[in-house]
Amino acid sequence: MTNSLASLESPHFPVMLDEVISICSPKNGGTFVDCTFGGGGYSKTILKYSGTKVIALDRDKFVLNISKILEEKYPSRFSFHKRKFSEVDRIVSEKKVDAVIFDLGLSSIQLNNLSRGFSFHSKENLDMSMGLSTRSAESVVNNFSEEDLKKIIKILGEEKEAARIAKNIVKFRNIEKITKVNQLVEIINRSKKKNHKKKINPSTQTFQALRIFVNTEITELIKGITNATKILKPGGKILIISFHSIEDKIIKFFFKNFSLNRSRPSRYIPETNDKNIYLFTEYKNKILKPTKLEISKNFPSRSAKLRYAIRNKNNYIYPSELLKKFKKYLDIEEIHA
């Protein structure tokens, strides 16, 4: 219980808040969707501008106390839905939204609550569920085959030493069930070759892989961004802050290949002169990153990348090529024990 309260009281820093607000322009009013509510940093700031309305989503039950405060303060301008962001088009059915915001990183509410198992500094249960998940990291490491564990860790974590880690997970669990975070950390440490030049924690990529798998984050991301595009009005903006290369690859492909000015045809998109298949205006392939000052105040923001695109006037056509392009990740998330 102490951990839970500590996580809620920890300072929450919305990543690249100034940049997000500048792009969204809430000073002009409008309807905004905060798809990853978390500590509510973006929603709170947008609501300071009169004439704005915010619809927020989060799958995490631990944010409900924060959302209730905003619902009481702005009863006619703020609403919260405990739903996955892949369902955003079921909550907002009309093309009336001025901006949709995604911050794909772990919030301090998740990371600082050691009982949830996201941090490799924890000694508590191996969970990693963001909420509304059907599995846990504990069930994955104890029940999935060595081959499937290797695939999950290698593909979703981009971990070069996945085979050794998977082998040692199975070897350990044959003796003793893996239930605690520190057990898994020890297995990973024993499995990986020492690399003193590498600055990241040895467990980082394996934990990333398990977290993505437990929460089906790639499936959620693709459904989320495509469904969010449905609800944007012409000129509406979709902003996405990502934290690892798989996410950024998906976002970049989506924005570049479904914009009017795509530089060259993708092999996933049939040759056509029909401009109606595109969803965005001319996309500027530009990444915004946190300033040095922001990183000094909020170190986890150091790997953040912000991309955004602007919806055009075309009718929505589902970008099925996105599924073909990233099928290997989607297939991994479909694996069952």
C-alpha atoms as a PDB file:
ATOM      1  CA  MET A   1       0.000   0.000   0.000  1.00  0.00           C
ATOM      2  CA  THR A   2       2.858   2.342   0.813  1.00  0.00           C
ATOM      3  CA  ASN A   3       4.291   1.832  -2.655  1.00  0.00           C
ATOM      4  CA  SER A   4       0.970   2.662  -4.267  1.00  0.00           C
ATOM      5  CA  LEU A   5       0.622   5.912  -2.353  1.00  0.00           C
ATOM      6  CA  ALA A   6       4.226   6.848  -2.988  1.00  0.00           C
ATOM      7  CA  SER A   7       3.735   6.444  -6.693  1.00  0.00           C
ATOM      8  CA  LEU A   8       0.778   8.823  -6.696  1.00  0.00           C
ATOM      9  CA  GLU A   9       2.602  11.434  -4.655  1.00  0.00           C
ATOM     10  CA  SER A  10       5.773  11.350  -6.763  1.00  0.00           C
ATOM     11  CA  PRO A  11       6.268  14.350  -9.055  1.00  0.00           C
ATOM     12  CA  HIS A  12       4.825  13.755 -12.500  1.00  0.00           C
ATOM     13  CA  PHE A  13       6.512  15.374 -15.474  1.00  0.00           C
ATOM     14  CA  PRO A  14       4.539  15.351 -18.737  1.00  0.00           C
ATOM     15  CA  VAL A  15       7.195  14.877 -21.432  1.00  0.00           C
ATOM     16  CA  MET A  16       7.764  17.824 -23.797  1.00  0.00           C
ATOM     17  CA  LEU A  17       4.742  19.652 -22.412  1.00  0.00           C
ATOM     18  CA  ASP A  18       5.691  23.006 -23.972  1.00  0.00           C
ATOM     19  CA  GLU A  19       6.144  21.427 -27.411  1.00  0.00           C
ATOM     20  CA  VAL A  20       2.854  19.508 -27.177  1.00  0.00           C
ATOM     21  CA  ILE A  21       0.907  22.625 -26.139  1.00  0.00           C
ATOM     22  CA  SER A  22       2.544  24.694 -28.874  1.00  0.00           C
ATOM     23  CA  ILE A  23       1.515  22.163 -31.557  1.00  0.00           C
ATOM     24  CA  CYS A  24      -2.026  21.667 -30.172  1.00  0.00           C
ATOM     25  CA  SER A  25      -2.743  25.419 -29.738  1.00  0.00           C
ATOM     26  CA  PRO A  26      -5.448  25.079 -27.059  1.00  0.00           C
ATOM     27  CA  LYS A  27      -5.535  28.882 -26.757  1.00  0.00           C
ATOM     28  CA  ASN A  28      -7.851  28.732 -29.785  1.00  0.00           C
ATOM     29  CA  GLY A  29     -10.233  26.367 -27.986  1.00  0.00           C
ATOM     30  CA  GLY A  30     -11.409  23.026 -29.342  1.00  0.00           C
ATOM     31  CA  THR A  31     -11.747  19.357 -28.454  1.00  0.00           C
ATOM     32  CA  PHE A  32      -8.676  17.371 -27.437  1.00  0.00           C
ATOM     33  CA  VAL A  33      -8.204  13.679 -26.689  1.00  0.00           C
ATOM     34  CA  ASP A  34      -5.544  12.638 -24.169  1.00  0.00           C
ATOM     35  CA  CYS A  35      -5.112   8.945 -24.973  1.00  0.00           C
ATOM     36  CA  THR A  36      -2.561   8.274 -22.215  1.00  0.00           C
ATOM     37  CA  PHE A  37      -3.863  10.307 -19.282  1.00  0.00           C
ATOM     38  CA  GLY A  38      -1.372   9.084 -16.648  1.00  0.00           C
ATOM     39  CA  GLY A  39      -0.731  11.894 -14.171  1.00  0.00           C
ATOM     40  CA  GLY A  40      -2.911  14.224 -16.234  1.00  0.00           C
ATOM     41  CA  GLY A  41      -0.190  16.705 -17.170  1.00  0.00           C
ATOM     42  CA  TYR A  42      -1.371  17.415 -20.719  1.00  0.00           C
ATOM     43  CA  SER A  43      -5.068  17.444 -19.775  1.00  0.00           C
ATOM     44  CA  LYS A  44      -4.540  19.843 -16.856  1.00  0.00           C
ATOM     45  CA  THR A  45      -2.609  22.286 -19.019  1.00  0.00           C
ATOM     46  CA  ILE A  46      -5.083  22.217 -21.923  1.00  0.00           C
ATOM     47  CA  LEU A  47      -8.019  22.781 -19.552  1.00  0.00           C
ATOM     48  CA  LYS A  48      -6.444  26.008 -18.298  1.00  0.00           C
ATOM     49  CA  TYR A  49      -7.535  27.539 -21.613  1.00  0.00           C
ATOM     50  CA  SER A  50     -11.214  28.480 -21.751  1.00  0.00           C
ATOM     51  CA  GLY A  51     -13.103  27.053 -24.690  1.00  0.00           C
ATOM     52  CA  THR A  52     -11.333  23.705 -24.496  1.00  0.00           C
ATOM     53  CA  LYS A  53     -12.787  20.267 -23.890  1.00  0.00           C
ATOM     54  CA  VAL A  54     -10.675  17.217 -23.003  1.00  0.00           C
ATOM     55  CA  ILE A  55     -11.631  13.563 -23.364  1.00  0.00           C
ATOM     56  CA  ALA A  56      -9.094  11.383 -21.546  1.00  0.00           C
ATOM     57  CA  LEU A  57      -8.420   7.641 -21.632  1.00  0.00           C
ATOM     58  CA  ASP A  58      -6.224   5.334 -19.577  1.00  0.00           C
ATOM     59  CA  ARG A  59      -6.290   1.601 -18.946  1.00  0.00           C
ATOM     60  CA  ASP A  60      -4.693   2.080 -15.507  1.00  0.00           C
ATOM     61  CA  LYS A  61      -6.971   2.050 -12.441  1.00  0.00           C
ATOM     62  CA  PHE A  62      -4.302   3.863 -10.420  1.00  0.00           C
ATOM     63  CA  VAL A  63      -5.040   7.158 -12.212  1.00  0.00           C
ATOM     64  CA  LEU A  64      -8.703   7.299 -11.197  1.00  0.00           C
ATOM     65  CA  ASN A  65      -8.116   9.582  -8.201  1.00  0.00           C
ATOM     66  CA  ILE A  66      -6.384  12.114 -10.455  1.00  0.00           C
ATOM     67  CA  SER A  67      -9.093  11.975 -13.117  1.00  0.00           C
ATOM     68  CA  LYS A  68     -11.845  12.479 -10.504  1.00  0.00           C
ATOM     69  CA  ILE A  69     -10.259  15.748  -9.388  1.00  0.00           C
ATOM     70  CA  LEU A  70     -10.420  17.096 -12.954  1.00  0.00           C
ATOM     71  CA  GLU A  71     -13.977  15.812 -13.455  1.00  0.00           C
ATOM     72  CA  GLU A  72     -15.061  17.735 -10.353  1.00  0.00           C
ATOM     73  CA  LYS A  73     -13.156  20.875 -11.363  1.00  0.00           C
ATOM     74  CA  TYR A  74     -14.271  20.874 -15.028  1.00  0.00           C
ATOM     75  CA  PRO A  75     -17.575  18.916 -15.063  1.00  0.00           C
ATOM     76  CA  SER A  76     -18.650  20.226 -18.457  1.00  0.00           C
ATOM     77  CA  ARG A  77     -15.228  20.204 -20.118  1.00  0.00           C
ATOM     78  CA  PHE A  78     -13.462  17.026 -18.947  1.00  0.00           C
ATOM     79  CA  SER A  79     -14.461  13.382 -19.132  1.00  0.00           C
ATOM     80  CA  PHE A  80     -12.416  10.277 -18.320  1.00  0.00           C
ATOM     81  CA  HIS A  81     -12.776   6.730 -19.655  1.00  0.00           C
ATOM     82  CA  LYS A  82     -11.002   3.709 -18.149  1.00  0.00           C
ATOM     83  CA  ARG A  83     -10.424   2.109 -21.533  1.00  0.00           C
ATOM     84  CA  LYS A  84      -7.552   1.107 -23.782  1.00  0.00           C
ATOM     85  CA  PHE A  85      -6.710   3.798 -26.310  1.00  0.00           C
ATOM     86  CA  SER A  86      -7.319   1.342 -29.155  1.00  0.00           C
ATOM     87  CA  GLU A  87     -11.023   1.962 -28.407  1.00  0.00           C
ATOM     88  CA  VAL A  88     -10.826   5.734 -28.839  1.00  0.00           C
ATOM     89  CA  ASP A  89     -13.137   5.705 -31.863  1.00  0.00           C
ATOM     90  CA  ARG A  90     -15.869   4.045 -29.765  1.00  0.00           C
ATOM     91  CA  ILE A  91     -15.734   6.887 -27.264  1.00  0.00           C
ATOM     92  CA  VAL A  92     -15.521   9.702 -29.838  1.00  0.00           C
ATOM     93  CA  SER A  93     -17.505   8.753 -32.914  1.00  0.00           C
ATOM     94  CA  GLU A  94     -17.559  12.055 -34.804  1.00  0.00           C
ATOM     95  CA  LYS A  95     -14.798  13.748 -36.796  1.00  0.00           C
ATOM     96  CA  LYS A  96     -14.651  16.710 -34.447  1.00  0.00           C
ATOM     97  CA  VAL A  97     -11.324  16.426 -32.632  1.00  0.00           C
ATOM     98  CA  ASP A  98      -8.664  19.134 -32.917  1.00  0.00           C
ATOM     99  CA  ALA A  99      -5.793  17.032 -31.542  1.00  0.00           C
ATOM    100  CA  VAL A 100      -5.096  13.553 -30.201  1.00  0.00           C
ATOM    101  CA  ILE A 101      -2.103  13.049 -27.895  1.00  0.00           C
ATOM    102  CA  PHE A 102      -0.253   9.806 -27.157  1.00  0.00           C
ATOM    103  CA  ASP A 103       2.610   9.558 -24.650  1.00  0.00           C
ATOM    104  CA  LEU A 104       3.743   5.941 -24.936  1.00  0.00           C
ATOM    105  CA  GLY A 105       6.188   5.941 -22.025  1.00  0.00           C
ATOM    106  CA  LEU A 106       5.684   4.480 -18.568  1.00  0.00           C
ATOM    107  CA  SER A 107       4.310   7.050 -16.155  1.00  0.00           C
ATOM    108  CA  SER A 108       5.807   7.681 -12.723  1.00  0.00           C
ATOM    109  CA  ILE A 109       2.581   6.198 -11.328  1.00  0.00           C
ATOM    110  CA  GLN A 110       3.514   2.878 -12.937  1.00  0.00           C
ATOM    111  CA  LEU A 111       7.284   2.915 -12.558  1.00  0.00           C
ATOM    112  CA  ASN A 112       7.498   4.183  -8.984  1.00  0.00           C
ATOM    113  CA  ASN A 113       4.962   1.707  -7.638  1.00  0.00           C
ATOM    114  CA  LEU A 114       7.402  -1.170  -7.077  1.00  0.00           C
ATOM    115  CA  SER A 115       4.591  -3.648  -6.388  1.00  0.00           C
ATOM    116  CA  ARG A 116       3.639  -3.516 -10.076  1.00  0.00           C
ATOM    117  CA  GLY A 117       6.926  -5.007 -11.240  1.00  0.00           C
ATOM    118  CA  PHE A 118       7.891  -2.502 -13.938  1.00  0.00           C
ATOM    119  CA  SER A 119      11.136  -1.442 -12.278  1.00  0.00           C
ATOM    120  CA  PHE A 120      14.114  -3.789 -12.157  1.00  0.00           C
ATOM    121  CA  HIS A 121      14.895  -2.236  -8.760  1.00  0.00           C
ATOM    122  CA  SER A 122      11.832  -3.959  -7.307  1.00  0.00           C
ATOM    123  CA  LYS A 123      11.864  -7.103  -5.180  1.00  0.00           C
ATOM    124  CA  GLU A 124       8.137  -7.591  -5.440  1.00  0.00           C
ATOM    125  CA  ASN A 125       5.806  -9.545  -7.716  1.00  0.00           C
ATOM    126  CA  LEU A 126       6.594  -9.880 -11.404  1.00  0.00           C
ATOM    127  CA  ASP A 127       3.467  -8.329 -12.924  1.00  0.00           C
ATOM    128  CA  MET A 128       4.000  -5.506 -15.491  1.00  0.00           C
ATOM    129  CA  SER A 129       0.313  -5.096 -16.352  1.00  0.00           C
ATOM    130  CA  MET A 130      -0.719  -1.550 -17.241  1.00  0.00           C
ATOM    131  CA  GLY A 131      -4.320  -2.560 -16.587  1.00  0.00           C
ATOM    132  CA  LEU A 132      -6.980  -4.433 -18.569  1.00  0.00           C
ATOM    133  CA  SER A 133      -4.396  -7.097 -19.485  1.00  0.00           C
ATOM    134  CA  THR A 134      -5.105 -10.823 -19.687  1.00  0.00           C
ATOM    135  CA  ARG A 135      -1.626 -11.984 -18.639  1.00  0.00           C
ATOM    136  CA  SER A 136       1.283 -11.073 -16.372  1.00  0.00           C
ATOM    137  CA  ALA A 137       5.049 -11.233 -16.749  1.00  0.00           C
ATOM    138  CA  GLU A 138       5.062 -13.986 -14.122  1.00  0.00           C
ATOM    139  CA  SER A 139       2.750 -16.176 -16.196  1.00  0.00           C
ATOM    140  CA  VAL A 140       4.860 -15.574 -19.309  1.00  0.00           C
ATOM    141  CA  VAL A 141       8.264 -16.473 -17.840  1.00  0.00           C
ATOM    142  CA  ASN A 142       6.885 -19.555 -16.080  1.00  0.00           C
ATOM    143  CA  ASN A 143       4.653 -21.021 -18.790  1.00  0.00           C
ATOM    144  CA  PHE A 144       5.952 -20.114 -22.244  1.00  0.00           C
ATOM    145  CA  SER A 145       8.360 -22.374 -24.107  1.00  0.00           C
ATOM    146  CA  GLU A 146      12.048 -21.535 -24.368  1.00  0.00           C
ATOM    147  CA  GLU A 147      11.637 -20.890 -28.105  1.00  0.00           C
ATOM    148  CA  ASP A 148       8.715 -18.514 -27.590  1.00  0.00           C
ATOM    149  CA  LEU A 149      10.527 -16.678 -24.791  1.00  0.00           C
ATOM    150  CA  LYS A 150      13.509 -16.240 -27.088  1.00  0.00           C
ATOM    151  CA  LYS A 151      11.282 -14.783 -29.837  1.00  0.00           C
ATOM    152  CA  ILE A 152       9.550 -12.398 -27.420  1.00  0.00           C
ATOM    153  CA  ILE A 153      12.802 -11.131 -25.911  1.00  0.00           C
ATOM    154  CA  LYS A 154      14.685 -10.939 -29.216  1.00  0.00           C
ATOM    155  CA  ILE A 155      11.982  -9.284 -31.341  1.00  0.00           C
ATOM    156  CA  LEU A 156      10.115  -7.099 -28.847  1.00  0.00           C
ATOM    157  CA  GLY A 157      13.171  -6.270 -26.747  1.00  0.00           C
ATOM    158  CA  GLU A 158      15.722  -6.221 -29.582  1.00  0.00           C
ATOM    159  CA  GLU A 159      17.949  -8.192 -27.200  1.00  0.00           C
ATOM    160  CA  LYS A 160      20.937  -9.874 -28.888  1.00  0.00           C
ATOM    161  CA  GLU A 161      21.462 -12.314 -26.023  1.00  0.00           C
ATOM    162  CA  ALA A 162      17.825 -13.464 -25.990  1.00  0.00           C
ATOM    163  CA  ALA A 163      18.670 -17.145 -26.551  1.00  0.00           C
ATOM    164  CA  ARG A 164      20.862 -17.367 -23.447  1.00  0.00           C
ATOM    165  CA  ILE A 165      18.385 -15.430 -21.322  1.00  0.00           C
ATOM    166  CA  ALA A 166      15.471 -17.664 -22.401  1.00  0.00           C
ATOM    167  CA  LYS A 167      17.500 -20.811 -21.777  1.00  0.00           C
ATOM    168  CA  ASN A 168      18.409 -19.681 -18.268  1.00  0.00           C
ATOM    169  CA  ILE A 169      14.846 -18.646 -17.465  1.00  0.00           C
ATOM    170  CA  VAL A 170      13.671 -22.189 -18.261  1.00  0.00           C
ATOM    171  CA  LYS A 171      16.584 -23.736 -16.345  1.00  0.00           C
ATOM    172  CA  PHE A 172      15.791 -21.626 -13.250  1.00  0.00           C
ATOM    173  CA  ARG A 173      12.010 -22.206 -13.328  1.00  0.00           C
ATOM    174  CA  ASN A 174      12.539 -25.986 -13.493  1.00  0.00           C
ATOM    175  CA  ILE A 175      14.010 -25.681  -9.999  1.00  0.00           C
ATOM    176  CA  GLU A 176      11.994 -22.800  -8.593  1.00  0.00           C
ATOM    177  CA  LYS A 177       9.031 -20.766  -9.841  1.00  0.00           C
ATOM    178  CA  ILE A 178       9.928 -17.192 -10.877  1.00  0.00           C
ATOM    179  CA  THR A 179       7.584 -14.876  -8.980  1.00  0.00           C
ATOM    180  CA  LYS A 180       9.707 -11.864  -8.014  1.00  0.00           C
ATOM    181  CA  VAL A 181      11.343  -9.135 -10.073  1.00  0.00           C
ATOM    182  CA  ASN A 182      14.749  -9.611  -8.449  1.00  0.00           C
ATOM    183  CA  GLN A 183      14.753 -13.309  -9.428  1.00  0.00           C
ATOM    184  CA  LEU A 184      14.401 -12.379 -13.097  1.00  0.00           C
ATOM    185  CA  VAL A 185      16.991  -9.596 -12.791  1.00  0.00           C
ATOM    186  CA  GLU A 186      19.495 -12.093 -11.369  1.00  0.00           C
ATOM    187  CA  ILE A 187      18.823 -14.549 -14.223  1.00  0.00           C
ATOM    188  CA  ILE A 188      19.371 -11.812 -16.807  1.00  0.00           C
ATOM    189  CA  ASN A 189      22.567 -10.604 -15.119  1.00  0.00           C
ATOM    190  CA  ARG A 190      23.989 -14.142 -15.140  1.00  0.00           C
ATOM    191  CA  SER A 191      22.994 -14.601 -18.790  1.00  0.00           C
ATOM    192  CA  LYS A 192      24.462 -11.454 -20.309  1.00  0.00           C
ATOM    193  CA  LYS A 193      28.090 -10.839 -21.120  1.00  0.00           C
ATOM    194  CA  LYS A 194      29.582  -7.941 -19.197  1.00  0.00           C
ATOM    195  CA  ASN A 195      29.709  -4.809 -21.337  1.00  0.00           C
ATOM    196  CA  HIS A 196      31.076  -1.895 -19.358  1.00  0.00           C
ATOM    197  CA  LYS A 197      30.658   0.498 -22.294  1.00  0.00           C
ATOM    198  CA  LYS A 198      26.899  -0.019 -22.367  1.00  0.00           C
ATOM    199  CA  LYS A 199      25.168   2.537 -20.149  1.00  0.00           C
ATOM    200  CA  ILE A 200      21.725   0.926 -19.894  1.00  0.00           C
ATOM    201  CA  ASN A 201      20.832  -1.603 -17.219  1.00  0.00           C
ATOM    202  CA  PRO A 202      21.343  -5.218 -18.442  1.00  0.00           C
ATOM    203  CA  SER A 203      17.646  -5.951 -17.751  1.00  0.00           C
ATOM    204  CA  THR A 204      16.278  -3.045 -19.788  1.00  0.00           C
ATOM    205  CA  GLN A 205      15.597  -4.838 -23.085  1.00  0.00           C
ATOM    206  CA  THR A 206      14.157  -8.007 -21.554  1.00  0.00           C
ATOM    207  CA  PHE A 207      11.861  -5.956 -19.323  1.00  0.00           C
ATOM    208  CA  GLN A 208      10.815  -3.914 -22.359  1.00  0.00           C
ATOM    209  CA  ALA A 209       9.971  -7.101 -24.248  1.00  0.00           C
ATOM    210  CA  LEU A 210       7.909  -8.604 -21.426  1.00  0.00           C
ATOM    211  CA  ARG A 211       6.072  -5.340 -20.769  1.00  0.00           C
ATOM    212  CA  ILE A 212       5.212  -4.935 -24.474  1.00  0.00           C
ATOM    213  CA  PHE A 213       4.046  -8.555 -24.669  1.00  0.00           C
ATOM    214  CA  VAL A 214       1.973  -8.498 -21.465  1.00  0.00           C
ATOM    215  CA  ASN A 215       0.155  -5.334 -22.572  1.00  0.00           C
ATOM    216  CA  THR A 216       0.090  -6.124 -26.340  1.00  0.00           C
ATOM    217  CA  GLU A 217       1.542  -2.661 -26.884  1.00  0.00           C
ATOM    218  CA  ILE A 218       2.293  -2.983 -30.606  1.00  0.00           C
ATOM    219  CA  THR A 219      -1.244  -4.141 -31.385  1.00  0.00           C
ATOM    220  CA  GLU A 220      -2.594  -1.349 -29.180  1.00  0.00           C
ATOM    221  CA  LEU A 221      -0.371   1.265 -30.844  1.00  0.00           C
ATOM    222  CA  ILE A 222      -1.403   0.356 -34.387  1.00  0.00           C
ATOM    223  CA  LYS A 223      -5.100   0.181 -33.485  1.00  0.00           C
ATOM    224  CA  GLY A 224      -4.821   3.350 -31.434  1.00  0.00           C
ATOM    225  CA  ILE A 225      -3.206   5.572 -34.046  1.00  0.00           C
ATOM    226  CA  THR A 226      -5.383   4.329 -36.898  1.00  0.00           C
ATOM    227  CA  ASN A 227      -8.588   4.720 -34.878  1.00  0.00           C
ATOM    228  CA  ALA A 228      -7.489   8.149 -33.618  1.00  0.00           C
ATOM    229  CA  THR A 229      -7.055   9.260 -37.228  1.00  0.00           C
ATOM    230  CA  LYS A 230     -10.737   8.488 -37.835  1.00  0.00           C
ATOM    231  CA  ILE A 231     -11.911  11.076 -35.310  1.00  0.00           C
ATOM    232  CA  LEU A 232      -9.694  13.999 -36.353  1.00  0.00           C
ATOM    233  CA  LYS A 233     -11.351  16.808 -38.237  1.00  0.00           C
ATOM    234  CA  PRO A 234      -9.553  18.275 -41.291  1.00  0.00           C
ATOM    235  CA  GLY A 235      -6.569  20.153 -39.938  1.00  0.00           C
ATOM    236  CA  GLY A 236      -6.658  18.124 -36.710  1.00  0.00           C
ATOM    237  CA  LYS A 237      -3.330  16.876 -35.371  1.00  0.00           C
ATOM    238  CA  ILE A 238      -2.138  13.545 -34.043  1.00  0.00           C
ATOM    239  CA  LEU A 239       0.890  13.794 -31.732  1.00  0.00           C
ATOM    240  CA  ILE A 240       2.824  10.741 -30.567  1.00  0.00           C
ATOM    241  CA  ILE A 241       5.705  10.602 -28.109  1.00  0.00           C
ATOM    242  CA  SER A 242       7.605   7.316 -28.336  1.00  0.00           C
ATOM    243  CA  PHE A 243      10.479   5.879 -26.341  1.00  0.00           C
ATOM    244  CA  HIS A 244      11.947   2.964 -28.281  1.00  0.00           C
ATOM    245  CA  SER A 245      12.796   2.177 -31.874  1.00  0.00           C
ATOM    246  CA  ILE A 246       9.909  -0.213 -32.620  1.00  0.00           C
ATOM    247  CA  GLU A 247       7.327   2.424 -31.703  1.00  0.00           C
ATOM    248  CA  ASP A 248       9.127   5.109 -33.678  1.00  0.00           C
ATOM    249  CA  LYS A 249       9.404   2.887 -36.778  1.00  0.00           C
ATOM    250  CA  ILE A 250       5.648   2.309 -36.755  1.00  0.00           C
ATOM    251  CA  ILE A 251       4.812   5.986 -36.287  1.00  0.00           C
ATOM    252  CA  LYS A 252       7.287   7.137 -38.942  1.00  0.00           C
ATOM    253  CA  PHE A 253       5.967   4.606 -41.485  1.00  0.00           C
ATOM    254  CA  PHE A 254       2.356   5.584 -40.807  1.00  0.00           C
ATOM    255  CA  PHE A 255       2.932   9.319 -41.135  1.00  0.00           C
ATOM    256  CA  LYS A 256       5.307   9.168 -44.118  1.00  0.00           C
ATOM    257  CA  ASN A 257       3.480   6.616 -46.222  1.00  0.00           C
ATOM    258  CA  PHE A 258      -0.005   7.984 -45.717  1.00  0.00           C
ATOM    259  CA  SER A 259       0.852  11.618 -46.374  1.00  0.00           C
ATOM    260  CA  LEU A 260       0.410  13.436 -49.676  1.00  0.00           C
ATOM    261  CA  ASN A 261       4.127  14.091 -50.046  1.00  0.00           C
ATOM    262  CA  ARG A 262       5.513  10.604 -49.405  1.00  0.00           C
ATOM    263  CA  SER A 263       8.920  10.602 -51.018  1.00  0.00           C
ATOM    264  CA  ARG A 264       8.775   7.241 -52.762  1.00  0.00           C
ATOM    265  CA  PRO A 265       6.279   4.416 -53.059  1.00  0.00           C
ATOM    266  CA  SER A 266       6.395   1.778 -50.343  1.00  0.00           C
ATOM    267  CA  ARG A 267       6.326  -1.805 -51.513  1.00  0.00           C
ATOM    268  CA  TYR A 268       3.455  -2.239 -49.071  1.00  0.00           C
ATOM    269  CA  ILE A 269       1.314   0.358 -50.833  1.00  0.00           C
ATOM    270  CA  PRO A 270       0.111  -0.330 -54.407  1.00  0.00           C
ATOM    271  CA  GLU A 271       1.149   2.179 -57.081  1.00  0.00           C
ATOM    272  CA  THR A 272      -1.653   4.668 -57.592  1.00  0.00           C
ATOM    273  CA  ASN A 273      -2.296   8.231 -58.610  1.00  0.00           C
ATOM    274  CA  ASP A 274      -5.344   8.353 -56.361  1.00  0.00           C
ATOM    275  CA  LYS A 275      -4.604  11.039 -53.773  1.00  0.00           C
ATOM    276  CA  ASN A 276      -7.760  10.071 -51.854  1.00  0.00           C
ATOM    277  CA  ILE A 277      -6.021   7.126 -50.168  1.00  0.00           C
ATOM    278  CA  TYR A 278      -3.839   9.473 -48.117  1.00  0.00           C
ATOM    279  CA  LEU A 279      -4.811  10.571 -44.629  1.00  0.00           C
ATOM    280  CA  PHE A 280      -2.429  13.431 -43.862  1.00  0.00           C
ATOM    281  CA  THR A 281      -1.266  16.663 -45.409  1.00  0.00           C
ATOM    282  CA  GLU A 282       2.393  17.114 -46.274  1.00  0.00           C
ATOM    283  CA  TYR A 283       4.332  15.414 -43.490  1.00  0.00           C
ATOM    284  CA  LYS A 284       7.523  16.991 -42.228  1.00  0.00           C
ATOM    285  CA  ASN A 285       9.778  14.107 -41.262  1.00  0.00           C
ATOM    286  CA  LYS A 286      10.986  15.922 -38.188  1.00  0.00           C
ATOM    287  CA  ILE A 287      11.607  14.536 -34.714  1.00  0.00           C
ATOM    288  CA  LEU A 288      11.309  16.804 -31.695  1.00  0.00           C
ATOM    289  CA  LYS A 289      13.345  15.833 -28.633  1.00  0.00           C
ATOM    290  CA  PRO A 290      13.444  17.074 -25.028  1.00  0.00           C
ATOM    291  CA  THR A 291      15.728  19.985 -24.237  1.00  0.00           C
ATOM    292  CA  LYS A 292      18.779  19.534 -22.025  1.00  0.00           C
ATOM    293  CA  LEU A 293      16.959  21.471 -19.324  1.00  0.00           C
ATOM    294  CA  GLU A 294      13.993  19.082 -19.411  1.00  0.00           C
ATOM    295  CA  ILE A 295      16.258  16.031 -19.288  1.00  0.00           C
ATOM    296  CA  SER A 296      18.056  17.500 -16.255  1.00  0.00           C
ATOM    297  CA  LYS A 297      14.687  17.750 -14.468  1.00  0.00           C
ATOM    298  CA  ASN A 298      13.191  14.503 -15.777  1.00  0.00           C
ATOM    299  CA  PHE A 299      15.909  12.030 -16.787  1.00  0.00           C
ATOM    300  CA  PRO A 300      13.521   9.333 -18.167  1.00  0.00           C
ATOM    301  CA  SER A 301      12.517  11.816 -20.902  1.00  0.00           C
ATOM    302  CA  ARG A 302      15.982  11.521 -22.512  1.00  0.00           C
ATOM    303  CA  SER A 303      14.884   8.877 -25.036  1.00  0.00           C
ATOM    304  CA  ALA A 304      11.594  10.545 -25.996  1.00  0.00           C
ATOM    305  CA  LYS A 305      10.787  11.385 -29.628  1.00  0.00           C
ATOM    306  CA  LEU A 306       7.811  13.473 -30.670  1.00  0.00           C
ATOM    307  CA  ARG A 307       6.306  13.231 -34.152  1.00  0.00           C
ATOM    308  CA  TYR A 308       3.041  14.716 -35.352  1.00  0.00           C
ATOM    309  CA  ALA A 309       0.922  14.752 -38.508  1.00  0.00           C
ATOM    310  CA  ILE A 310      -2.031  16.853 -39.714  1.00  0.00           C
ATOM    311  CA  ARG A 311      -5.239  15.255 -41.024  1.00  0.00           C
ATOM    312  CA  ASN A 312      -6.375  16.182 -44.512  1.00  0.00           C
ATOM    313  CA  LYS A 313      -9.916  16.382 -45.908  1.00  0.00           C
ATOM    314  CA  ASN A 314     -10.017  12.875 -47.404  1.00  0.00           C
ATOM    315  CA  ASN A 315     -12.471  10.283 -46.196  1.00  0.00           C
ATOM    316  CA  TYR A 316     -10.928   7.724 -43.864  1.00  0.00           C
ATOM    317  CA  ILE A 317      -9.604   4.561 -45.519  1.00  0.00           C
ATOM    318  CA  TYR A 318      -8.127   1.906 -43.238  1.00  0.00           C
ATOM    319  CA  PRO A 319      -4.331   1.712 -43.802  1.00  0.00           C
ATOM    320  CA  SER A 320      -4.102  -2.094 -43.967  1.00  0.00           C
ATOM    321  CA  GLU A 321      -0.526  -1.831 -45.264  1.00  0.00           C
ATOM    322  CA  LEU A 322       0.507  -0.889 -41.738  1.00  0.00           C
ATOM    323  CA  LEU A 323      -0.489  -4.371 -40.559  1.00  0.00           C
ATOM    324  CA  LYS A 324       1.501  -6.027 -43.346  1.00  0.00           C
ATOM    325  CA  LYS A 325       4.603  -3.974 -42.647  1.00  0.00           C
ATOM    326  CA  PHE A 326       4.710  -4.795 -38.915  1.00  0.00           C
ATOM    327  CA  LYS A 327       3.209  -8.285 -39.037  1.00  0.00           C
ATOM    328  CA  LYS A 328       6.158  -9.924 -37.250  1.00  0.00           C
ATOM    329  CA  TYR A 329       5.505  -7.874 -34.108  1.00  0.00           C
ATOM    330  CA  LEU A 330       1.750  -8.483 -34.222  1.00  0.00           C
ATOM    331  CA  ASP A 331       2.325 -12.220 -34.669  1.00  0.00           C
ATOM    332  CA  ILE A 332       4.581 -12.315 -31.606  1.00  0.00           C
ATOM    333  CA  GLU A 333       1.867 -10.715 -29.481  1.00  0.00           C
ATOM    334  CA  GLU A 334      -0.531 -13.479 -30.591  1.00  0.00           C
ATOM    335  CA  ILE A 335       1.643 -16.247 -29.089  1.00  0.00           C
ATOM    336  CA  HIS A 336      -0.031 -18.292 -26.354  1.00  0.00           C
ATOM    337  CA  ALA A 337       1.517 -20.691 -23.838  1.00  0.00           C
END
